[in-house]
Structure formats: structure tokens, C-alpha cells
Amino acid sequence: MKLKTILPDGRVFETQPFISLKYKSEEMVYKFEFETIDRHIKSSERHLWAVWDKVNKTVDMIAMKEIKKEQHELLIQSWK
């Protein structure tokens, strides 16, 4: 379920589901790779991401190693 809100100043906040989420133990720093509808990202295990928790109905900042594809969606900001 994609959520979207537009603030009066034109900022847009929306969620994007994780299409894939891969852990690569052989990598030195960027051990995680994930994809959403419009992006392909490499991330360290401890990097914090803003996510929508679909189970608990909360917005959280959590480490990449804690993200679960089935439970979380990436929270992104853009402009109208």
C-alpha cells in the first residue's frame, strides 16, 4: 500500500515498497542492496533509513540490517 501526502509548502512524502533487498556478506562496507520502483541503492548495515512500518503503523528511522521487505516501505521526500 503506497502512502502519499503533500504539504502546503509543496513537499511530497510518499512510501515505496522494497522490490528486492539483498545482503552481500563479501562486500567490505555496502553489504546491502535494495530496489524500489525508481531507485537502486547500496547501503551499509548501520545506515539509518526512514521507513513506514506497515505492521505497527509508524514512521521509524531504522538501520538497514533491521529492514524487512514484508514489513517496511521506504519513506521518500520530493517536490510537486
Protein backbone atom coordinates (compact mmCIF):
# COMPACT_ATOMS: atom_id res chain seq x y z
CA MET A 1 0.00 0.00 0.00
CA LYS A 2 1.57 3.27 -1.13
CA LEU A 3 1.01 6.30 1.12
CA LYS A 4 1.38 9.88 -0.09
CA THR A 5 0.91 13.34 1.42
CA ILE A 6 1.57 16.82 0.03
CA LEU A 7 2.41 19.62 2.48
CA PRO A 8 1.34 23.26 1.92
CA ASP A 9 4.95 24.22 1.03
CA GLY A 10 4.97 21.70 -1.83
CA ARG A 11 6.98 18.93 -0.19
CA VAL A 12 5.72 15.47 -1.06
CA PHE A 13 6.22 12.50 1.25
CA GLU A 14 5.41 9.04 -0.04
CA THR A 15 6.28 5.43 0.57
CA GLN A 16 7.70 2.96 -1.91
CA PRO A 17 7.73 -0.79 -1.36
CA PHE A 18 11.04 -2.63 -1.46
CA ILE A 19 11.08 -4.71 -4.65
CA SER A 20 14.26 -6.53 -3.65
CA LEU A 21 16.52 -6.50 -0.63
CA LYS A 22 19.85 -8.36 -0.81
CA TYR A 23 22.61 -8.93 1.74
CA LYS A 24 26.12 -9.41 0.33
CA SER A 25 28.44 -10.65 3.08
CA GLU A 26 31.51 -10.48 0.82
CA GLU A 27 31.27 -6.68 0.46
CA MET A 28 33.52 -4.59 2.70
CA VAL A 29 31.13 -1.73 3.54
CA TYR A 30 27.98 -1.66 1.40
CA LYS A 31 26.65 -5.08 2.34
CA PHE A 32 23.03 -4.30 1.41
CA GLU A 33 21.46 -3.52 -1.96
CA PHE A 34 17.82 -2.68 -2.41
CA GLU A 35 15.49 -1.64 -5.18
CA THR A 36 12.26 0.32 -5.21
CA ILE A 37 10.15 1.42 -8.16
CA ASP A 38 12.56 4.18 -9.17
CA ARG A 39 15.88 3.53 -7.41
CA HIS A 40 18.70 1.02 -6.89
CA ILE A 41 20.68 1.73 -3.68
CA LYS A 42 23.75 0.30 -1.93
CA SER A 43 23.85 0.77 1.84
CA SER A 44 25.93 -0.14 4.85
CA GLU A 45 24.36 -2.30 7.56
CA ARG A 46 24.07 0.52 10.10
CA HIS A 47 22.92 3.32 7.78
CA LEU A 48 19.57 4.66 9.02
CA TRP A 49 16.59 4.90 6.70
CA ALA A 50 13.17 6.46 7.18
CA VAL A 51 10.58 3.73 6.72
CA TRP A 52 6.86 3.18 7.09
CA ASP A 53 6.22 0.16 9.33
CA LYS A 54 3.08 -1.42 7.84
CA VAL A 55 2.52 -3.69 10.86
CA ASN A 56 2.83 -1.12 13.66
CA LYS A 57 1.55 1.83 11.56
CA THR A 58 4.54 4.04 12.47
CA VAL A 59 7.27 6.01 10.73
CA ASP A 60 10.68 4.93 12.03
CA MET A 61 14.37 5.56 11.44
CA ILE A 62 15.97 2.12 11.44
CA ALA A 63 19.26 0.55 10.41
CA MET A 64 19.40 -1.20 7.06
CA LYS A 65 20.08 -4.53 8.77
CA GLU A 66 16.70 -4.25 10.56
CA ILE A 67 14.57 -3.59 7.46
CA LYS A 68 12.19 -6.37 6.48
CA LYS A 69 10.80 -6.27 2.95
CA GLU A 70 7.41 -7.61 4.06
CA GLN A 71 7.04 -5.15 6.96
CA HIS A 72 8.62 -1.87 5.78
CA GLU A 73 8.34 0.61 2.92
CA LEU A 74 10.92 3.31 2.15
CA LEU A 75 9.78 6.86 3.02
CA ILE A 76 10.96 9.39 0.44
CA GLN A 77 10.63 13.15 0.02
CA SER A 78 10.26 15.05 -3.24
CA TRP A 79 8.63 18.22 -4.53
CA LYS A 80 5.43 18.82 -6.52
